Amino acid sequence: MVLKNLNYPLDFKFKISTLASDFNITDRNGNYVAYVRQKMFKLKEDVIVFNDESKSKELFRIKANQWIDFNASYSLNDLTDNKNYGRLARKGMRSLWKSTYDILDSNDQPKFTVTEDNAWTKFFDGMVSEIPIIGMFTGYFLNPAYTVRGIDGKEYFKLKKMPSFFGRRFQLDRMIDIDDEDESLVILSLLMMVLLERARG
């Protein structure tokens, strides 16, 4: 199954009524695209992408390939067609300063990179979030943004954290046209990245 004919921008909105890391994905018209749930109490991340909040159909599964650390990578699997799209890999030490990820295809070949636009946002977020009371409001003014680039150097997607207190909302926009299968690979990668990055801002 590929994700296609999507009406951008897409909204990723975390639920605050559950203990699990759950979020809805809707298009610009408010229509459901998917519902994402991260399984709780797992030493390795395990994420299921459902058709909607009813969880009646599992579409994709994202699983960590090794124990949680800076170099973990995450396999992206299509449950409908029983295929592997590829994987998302965090760029180790570089991510301490500026969040950077590689997106690889099913043959483990690099296809895209995801890079945080402004490293200072991460720096100041780390500082301010430790300040009592003030740190609670970093979600309103320290919001990171990320750019997805192909190996051709073109910018394909922009993902940004939207100002919020409890809501934890991200918005994804597509800059230029992209192949349907590559689009699915990128979106699945960004779903996992959002779960890893959401605690910031």
C-alpha atoms as a PDB file:
ATOM      1  CA  MET A   1       0.000   0.000   0.000  1.00  0.00           C
ATOM      2  CA  VAL A   2       1.305   3.461  -0.840  1.00  0.00           C
ATOM      3  CA  LEU A   3       0.166   6.771   0.580  1.00  0.00           C
ATOM      4  CA  LYS A   4      -0.906   8.902  -2.365  1.00  0.00           C
ATOM      5  CA  ASN A   5      -3.217  11.712  -3.470  1.00  0.00           C
ATOM      6  CA  LEU A   6      -2.645  13.424  -0.142  1.00  0.00           C
ATOM      7  CA  ASN A   7      -3.928  16.965   0.375  1.00  0.00           C
ATOM      8  CA  TYR A   8      -1.142  18.919   2.036  1.00  0.00           C
ATOM      9  CA  PRO A   9      -0.395  20.269   4.517  1.00  0.00           C
ATOM     10  CA  LEU A  10      -0.815  17.285   6.821  1.00  0.00           C
ATOM     11  CA  ASP A  11      -1.375  17.849  10.537  1.00  0.00           C
ATOM     12  CA  PHE A  12       0.165  15.541  13.134  1.00  0.00           C
ATOM     13  CA  LYS A  13      -1.687  16.108  16.392  1.00  0.00           C
ATOM     14  CA  PHE A  14      -0.805  14.200  19.567  1.00  0.00           C
ATOM     15  CA  LYS A  15      -3.531  13.126  21.941  1.00  0.00           C
ATOM     16  CA  ILE A  16      -3.166  14.235  25.557  1.00  0.00           C
ATOM     17  CA  SER A  17      -5.859  11.920  26.924  1.00  0.00           C
ATOM     18  CA  THR A  18      -3.782   8.720  26.696  1.00  0.00           C
ATOM     19  CA  LEU A  19      -0.558   7.570  28.337  1.00  0.00           C
ATOM     20  CA  ALA A  20       0.683   6.150  25.044  1.00  0.00           C
ATOM     21  CA  SER A  21       2.276   8.324  22.357  1.00  0.00           C
ATOM     22  CA  ASP A  22      -0.694   8.471  19.986  1.00  0.00           C
ATOM     23  CA  PHE A  23      -1.346  11.007  17.266  1.00  0.00           C
ATOM     24  CA  ASN A  24      -3.773  11.611  14.437  1.00  0.00           C
ATOM     25  CA  ILE A  25      -2.772  12.584  10.923  1.00  0.00           C
ATOM     26  CA  THR A  26      -5.308  14.624   8.983  1.00  0.00           C
ATOM     27  CA  ASP A  27      -5.125  16.457   5.661  1.00  0.00           C
ATOM     28  CA  ARG A  28      -5.900  20.097   4.944  1.00  0.00           C
ATOM     29  CA  ASN A  29      -9.631  19.276   4.735  1.00  0.00           C
ATOM     30  CA  GLY A  30      -9.639  17.531   8.108  1.00  0.00           C
ATOM     31  CA  ASN A  31      -9.893  14.042   6.589  1.00  0.00           C
ATOM     32  CA  TYR A  32      -8.147  11.139   8.302  1.00  0.00           C
ATOM     33  CA  VAL A  33      -4.890   9.917   6.774  1.00  0.00           C
ATOM     34  CA  ALA A  34      -3.772   7.624   9.603  1.00  0.00           C
ATOM     35  CA  TYR A  35      -3.646   7.076  13.351  1.00  0.00           C
ATOM     36  CA  VAL A  36      -0.248   6.363  14.899  1.00  0.00           C
ATOM     37  CA  ARG A  37       0.359   4.528  18.187  1.00  0.00           C
ATOM     38  CA  GLN A  38       3.661   3.802  19.891  1.00  0.00           C
ATOM     39  CA  LYS A  39       3.520   0.693  22.068  1.00  0.00           C
ATOM     40  CA  MET A  40       4.242   1.411  25.713  1.00  0.00           C
ATOM     41  CA  PHE A  41       6.860  -0.207  27.951  1.00  0.00           C
ATOM     42  CA  LYS A  42       8.981  -1.490  25.090  1.00  0.00           C
ATOM     43  CA  LEU A  43      12.794  -1.458  25.301  1.00  0.00           C
ATOM     44  CA  LYS A  44      12.781  -1.149  21.536  1.00  0.00           C
ATOM     45  CA  GLU A  45      10.434   1.314  19.852  1.00  0.00           C
ATOM     46  CA  ASP A  46       7.461  -0.392  18.213  1.00  0.00           C
ATOM     47  CA  VAL A  47       4.994   1.782  16.318  1.00  0.00           C
ATOM     48  CA  ILE A  48       1.786   0.776  14.524  1.00  0.00           C
ATOM     49  CA  VAL A  49       0.097   2.947  11.899  1.00  0.00           C
ATOM     50  CA  PHE A  50      -3.675   2.346  11.660  1.00  0.00           C
ATOM     51  CA  ASN A  51      -6.232   3.521   9.132  1.00  0.00           C
ATOM     52  CA  ASP A  52      -7.949   5.725  11.750  1.00  0.00           C
ATOM     53  CA  GLU A  53      -8.641   6.074  15.468  1.00  0.00           C
ATOM     54  CA  SER A  54     -10.884   3.011  15.482  1.00  0.00           C
ATOM     55  CA  LYS A  55      -7.703   0.950  14.930  1.00  0.00           C
ATOM     56  CA  SER A  56      -9.698  -1.456  12.770  1.00  0.00           C
ATOM     57  CA  LYS A  57      -6.894  -1.954  10.243  1.00  0.00           C
ATOM     58  CA  GLU A  58      -3.121  -2.006  10.668  1.00  0.00           C
ATOM     59  CA  LEU A  59      -1.380  -0.411   7.694  1.00  0.00           C
ATOM     60  CA  PHE A  60       2.288  -0.093   8.654  1.00  0.00           C
ATOM     61  CA  ARG A  61       4.702  -1.151  11.399  1.00  0.00           C
ATOM     62  CA  ILE A  62       7.859   0.705  12.433  1.00  0.00           C
ATOM     63  CA  LYS A  63      10.328  -1.121  14.671  1.00  0.00           C
ATOM     64  CA  ALA A  64      13.740  -0.272  16.098  1.00  0.00           C
ATOM     65  CA  ASN A  65      16.493  -2.469  14.691  1.00  0.00           C
ATOM     66  CA  GLN A  66      18.583  -2.342  17.862  1.00  0.00           C
ATOM     67  CA  TRP A  67      18.450  -1.237  21.485  1.00  0.00           C
ATOM     68  CA  ILE A  68      17.661   2.427  22.035  1.00  0.00           C
ATOM     69  CA  ASP A  69      20.738   4.620  21.544  1.00  0.00           C
ATOM     70  CA  PHE A  70      21.972   7.482  19.376  1.00  0.00           C
ATOM     71  CA  ASN A  71      22.582   5.192  16.404  1.00  0.00           C
ATOM     72  CA  ALA A  72      19.314   3.266  16.391  1.00  0.00           C
ATOM     73  CA  SER A  73      17.593   2.742  13.071  1.00  0.00           C
ATOM     74  CA  TYR A  74      13.954   1.967  12.391  1.00  0.00           C
ATOM     75  CA  SER A  75      12.579  -0.433   9.785  1.00  0.00           C
ATOM     76  CA  LEU A  76       9.511   0.734   7.856  1.00  0.00           C
ATOM     77  CA  ASN A  77       7.161  -2.102   6.940  1.00  0.00           C
ATOM     78  CA  ASP A  78       3.946  -2.235   4.930  1.00  0.00           C
ATOM     79  CA  LEU A  79       1.569  -4.734   6.565  1.00  0.00           C
ATOM     80  CA  THR A  80      -0.950  -4.628   3.729  1.00  0.00           C
ATOM     81  CA  ASP A  81       1.490  -5.718   1.018  1.00  0.00           C
ATOM     82  CA  ASN A  82       3.970  -7.421   3.363  1.00  0.00           C
ATOM     83  CA  LYS A  83       6.931  -5.390   2.129  1.00  0.00           C
ATOM     84  CA  ASN A  84       9.754  -3.355   3.579  1.00  0.00           C
ATOM     85  CA  TYR A  85      10.052   0.254   2.429  1.00  0.00           C
ATOM     86  CA  GLY A  86      13.437   0.911   3.990  1.00  0.00           C
ATOM     87  CA  ARG A  87      14.601   2.463   7.230  1.00  0.00           C
ATOM     88  CA  LEU A  88      15.192   5.690   9.116  1.00  0.00           C
ATOM     89  CA  ALA A  89      18.625   6.093  10.720  1.00  0.00           C
ATOM     90  CA  ARG A  90      19.618   8.753  13.227  1.00  0.00           C
ATOM     91  CA  LYS A  91      23.017  10.346  12.610  1.00  0.00           C
ATOM     92  CA  GLY A  92      24.636   9.642  15.983  1.00  0.00           C
ATOM     93  CA  MET A  93      26.765  12.421  17.427  1.00  0.00           C
ATOM     94  CA  ARG A  94      25.635  15.009  14.871  1.00  0.00           C
ATOM     95  CA  SER A  95      22.172  14.755  16.390  1.00  0.00           C
ATOM     96  CA  LEU A  96      23.486  16.115  19.690  1.00  0.00           C
ATOM     97  CA  TRP A  97      23.944  19.517  18.047  1.00  0.00           C
ATOM     98  CA  LYS A  98      21.537  19.451  15.132  1.00  0.00           C
ATOM     99  CA  SER A  99      18.996  16.689  14.575  1.00  0.00           C
ATOM    100  CA  THR A 100      19.910  14.777  11.416  1.00  0.00           C
ATOM    101  CA  TYR A 101      18.473  11.566   9.982  1.00  0.00           C
ATOM    102  CA  ASP A 102      19.090   9.450   6.891  1.00  0.00           C
ATOM    103  CA  ILE A 103      16.266   7.763   5.004  1.00  0.00           C
ATOM    104  CA  LEU A 104      17.321   4.601   3.178  1.00  0.00           C
ATOM    105  CA  ASP A 105      15.365   2.484   0.707  1.00  0.00           C
ATOM    106  CA  SER A 106      14.683  -1.263   0.890  1.00  0.00           C
ATOM    107  CA  ASN A 107      18.114  -1.932  -0.655  1.00  0.00           C
ATOM    108  CA  ASP A 108      19.724   0.129   2.117  1.00  0.00           C
ATOM    109  CA  GLN A 109      20.662   2.859  -0.337  1.00  0.00           C
ATOM    110  CA  PRO A 110      20.496   6.512   0.834  1.00  0.00           C
ATOM    111  CA  LYS A 111      17.494   8.326  -0.649  1.00  0.00           C
ATOM    112  CA  PHE A 112      16.847  11.367   1.556  1.00  0.00           C
ATOM    113  CA  THR A 113      18.206  13.259   4.547  1.00  0.00           C
ATOM    114  CA  VAL A 114      16.203  15.082   7.208  1.00  0.00           C
ATOM    115  CA  THR A 115      18.012  18.022   8.772  1.00  0.00           C
ATOM    116  CA  GLU A 116      16.953  20.461  11.451  1.00  0.00           C
ATOM    117  CA  ASP A 117      16.930  23.955   9.967  1.00  0.00           C
ATOM    118  CA  ASN A 118      18.282  25.881  12.945  1.00  0.00           C
ATOM    119  CA  ALA A 119      20.621  24.230  15.449  1.00  0.00           C
ATOM    120  CA  TRP A 120      20.217  27.163  17.863  1.00  0.00           C
ATOM    121  CA  THR A 121      16.566  26.193  18.407  1.00  0.00           C
ATOM    122  CA  LYS A 122      17.703  22.871  19.859  1.00  0.00           C
ATOM    123  CA  PHE A 123      20.404  24.582  21.931  1.00  0.00           C
ATOM    124  CA  PHE A 124      18.081  27.162  23.495  1.00  0.00           C
ATOM    125  CA  ASP A 125      15.302  24.613  23.985  1.00  0.00           C
ATOM    126  CA  GLY A 126      17.677  22.463  26.016  1.00  0.00           C
ATOM    127  CA  MET A 127      18.615  25.445  28.171  1.00  0.00           C
ATOM    128  CA  VAL A 128      15.226  27.064  28.673  1.00  0.00           C
ATOM    129  CA  SER A 129      13.303  23.825  29.266  1.00  0.00           C
ATOM    130  CA  GLU A 130      15.287  23.331  32.497  1.00  0.00           C
ATOM    131  CA  ILE A 131      14.079  26.651  33.960  1.00  0.00           C
ATOM    132  CA  PRO A 132      11.142  26.163  36.376  1.00  0.00           C
ATOM    133  CA  ILE A 133       7.766  27.382  35.084  1.00  0.00           C
ATOM    134  CA  ILE A 134       9.286  29.179  32.059  1.00  0.00           C
ATOM    135  CA  GLY A 135      10.403  25.819  30.702  1.00  0.00           C
ATOM    136  CA  MET A 136       6.766  24.738  30.484  1.00  0.00           C
ATOM    137  CA  PHE A 137       6.124  27.326  27.775  1.00  0.00           C
ATOM    138  CA  THR A 138       8.954  26.543  25.347  1.00  0.00           C
ATOM    139  CA  GLY A 139       6.331  24.960  23.070  1.00  0.00           C
ATOM    140  CA  TYR A 140       5.086  28.447  22.221  1.00  0.00           C
ATOM    141  CA  PHE A 141       8.326  30.031  21.087  1.00  0.00           C
ATOM    142  CA  LEU A 142      11.025  27.373  20.495  1.00  0.00           C
ATOM    143  CA  ASN A 143       9.644  25.295  17.658  1.00  0.00           C
ATOM    144  CA  PRO A 144      12.065  23.354  15.453  1.00  0.00           C
ATOM    145  CA  ALA A 145      11.633  22.926  11.710  1.00  0.00           C
ATOM    146  CA  TYR A 146      13.110  20.233   9.476  1.00  0.00           C
ATOM    147  CA  THR A 147      13.820  19.923   5.754  1.00  0.00           C
ATOM    148  CA  VAL A 148      13.767  16.680   3.754  1.00  0.00           C
ATOM    149  CA  ARG A 149      16.254  16.709   0.881  1.00  0.00           C
ATOM    150  CA  GLY A 150      16.841  14.080  -1.772  1.00  0.00           C
ATOM    151  CA  ILE A 151      20.283  12.862  -2.783  1.00  0.00           C
ATOM    152  CA  ASP A 152      19.737  15.173  -5.773  1.00  0.00           C
ATOM    153  CA  GLY A 153      19.903  18.102  -3.342  1.00  0.00           C
ATOM    154  CA  LYS A 154      16.280  19.158  -3.942  1.00  0.00           C
ATOM    155  CA  GLU A 155      14.007  20.093  -1.031  1.00  0.00           C
ATOM    156  CA  TYR A 156      10.958  17.814  -1.020  1.00  0.00           C
ATOM    157  CA  PHE A 157       9.263  18.364   2.347  1.00  0.00           C
ATOM    158  CA  LYS A 158       9.155  20.800   5.260  1.00  0.00           C
ATOM    159  CA  LEU A 159       8.118  19.627   8.730  1.00  0.00           C
ATOM    160  CA  LYS A 160       7.606  22.150  11.505  1.00  0.00           C
ATOM    161  CA  LYS A 161       6.527  22.059  15.115  1.00  0.00           C
ATOM    162  CA  MET A 162       3.532  24.326  15.631  1.00  0.00           C
ATOM    163  CA  PRO A 163       3.151  26.520  18.742  1.00  0.00           C
ATOM    164  CA  SER A 164       1.255  24.563  21.403  1.00  0.00           C
ATOM    165  CA  PHE A 165       1.162  23.822  25.116  1.00  0.00           C
ATOM    166  CA  PHE A 166      -0.302  20.338  25.541  1.00  0.00           C
ATOM    167  CA  GLY A 167      -1.361  19.652  21.959  1.00  0.00           C
ATOM    168  CA  ARG A 168       2.033  18.855  20.485  1.00  0.00           C
ATOM    169  CA  ARG A 169       1.196  19.573  16.871  1.00  0.00           C
ATOM    170  CA  PHE A 170       3.395  19.229  13.789  1.00  0.00           C
ATOM    171  CA  GLN A 171       2.633  20.247  10.224  1.00  0.00           C
ATOM    172  CA  LEU A 172       4.062  18.660   7.081  1.00  0.00           C
ATOM    173  CA  ASP A 173       4.122  20.353   3.687  1.00  0.00           C
ATOM    174  CA  ARG A 174       5.330  18.989   0.357  1.00  0.00           C
ATOM    175  CA  MET A 175       7.457  21.369  -1.682  1.00  0.00           C
ATOM    176  CA  ILE A 176       7.657  19.515  -5.024  1.00  0.00           C
ATOM    177  CA  ASP A 177       6.148  16.403  -6.608  1.00  0.00           C
ATOM    178  CA  ILE A 178       7.571  13.041  -5.611  1.00  0.00           C
ATOM    179  CA  ASP A 179       7.102   9.394  -6.593  1.00  0.00           C
ATOM    180  CA  ASP A 180       4.284   7.705  -4.599  1.00  0.00           C
ATOM    181  CA  GLU A 181       6.531   5.017  -3.117  1.00  0.00           C
ATOM    182  CA  ASP A 182       9.197   7.547  -2.134  1.00  0.00           C
ATOM    183  CA  GLU A 183       6.475   9.709  -0.613  1.00  0.00           C
ATOM    184  CA  SER A 184       5.344   6.802   1.566  1.00  0.00           C
ATOM    185  CA  LEU A 185       8.959   6.122   2.581  1.00  0.00           C
ATOM    186  CA  VAL A 186       9.454   9.742   3.658  1.00  0.00           C
ATOM    187  CA  ILE A 187       6.144  10.065   5.517  1.00  0.00           C
ATOM    188  CA  LEU A 188       6.703   6.834   7.466  1.00  0.00           C
ATOM    189  CA  SER A 189      10.188   8.044   8.362  1.00  0.00           C
ATOM    190  CA  LEU A 190       8.838  11.374   9.573  1.00  0.00           C
ATOM    191  CA  LEU A 191       6.199   9.635  11.717  1.00  0.00           C
ATOM    192  CA  MET A 192       8.974   7.902  13.606  1.00  0.00           C
ATOM    193  CA  MET A 193      11.097  11.043  13.751  1.00  0.00           C
ATOM    194  CA  VAL A 194       8.209  13.032  15.240  1.00  0.00           C
ATOM    195  CA  LEU A 195       7.931  10.492  18.055  1.00  0.00           C
ATOM    196  CA  LEU A 196      11.650  10.835  18.738  1.00  0.00           C
ATOM    197  CA  GLU A 197      11.661  14.639  18.558  1.00  0.00           C
ATOM    198  CA  ARG A 198       8.322  15.553  20.110  1.00  0.00           C
ATOM    199  CA  ALA A 199       9.596  16.137  23.637  1.00  0.00           C
ATOM    200  CA  ARG A 200      11.382  19.257  22.433  1.00  0.00           C
ATOM    201  CA  GLY A 201       9.736  22.656  22.159  1.00  0.00           C
END
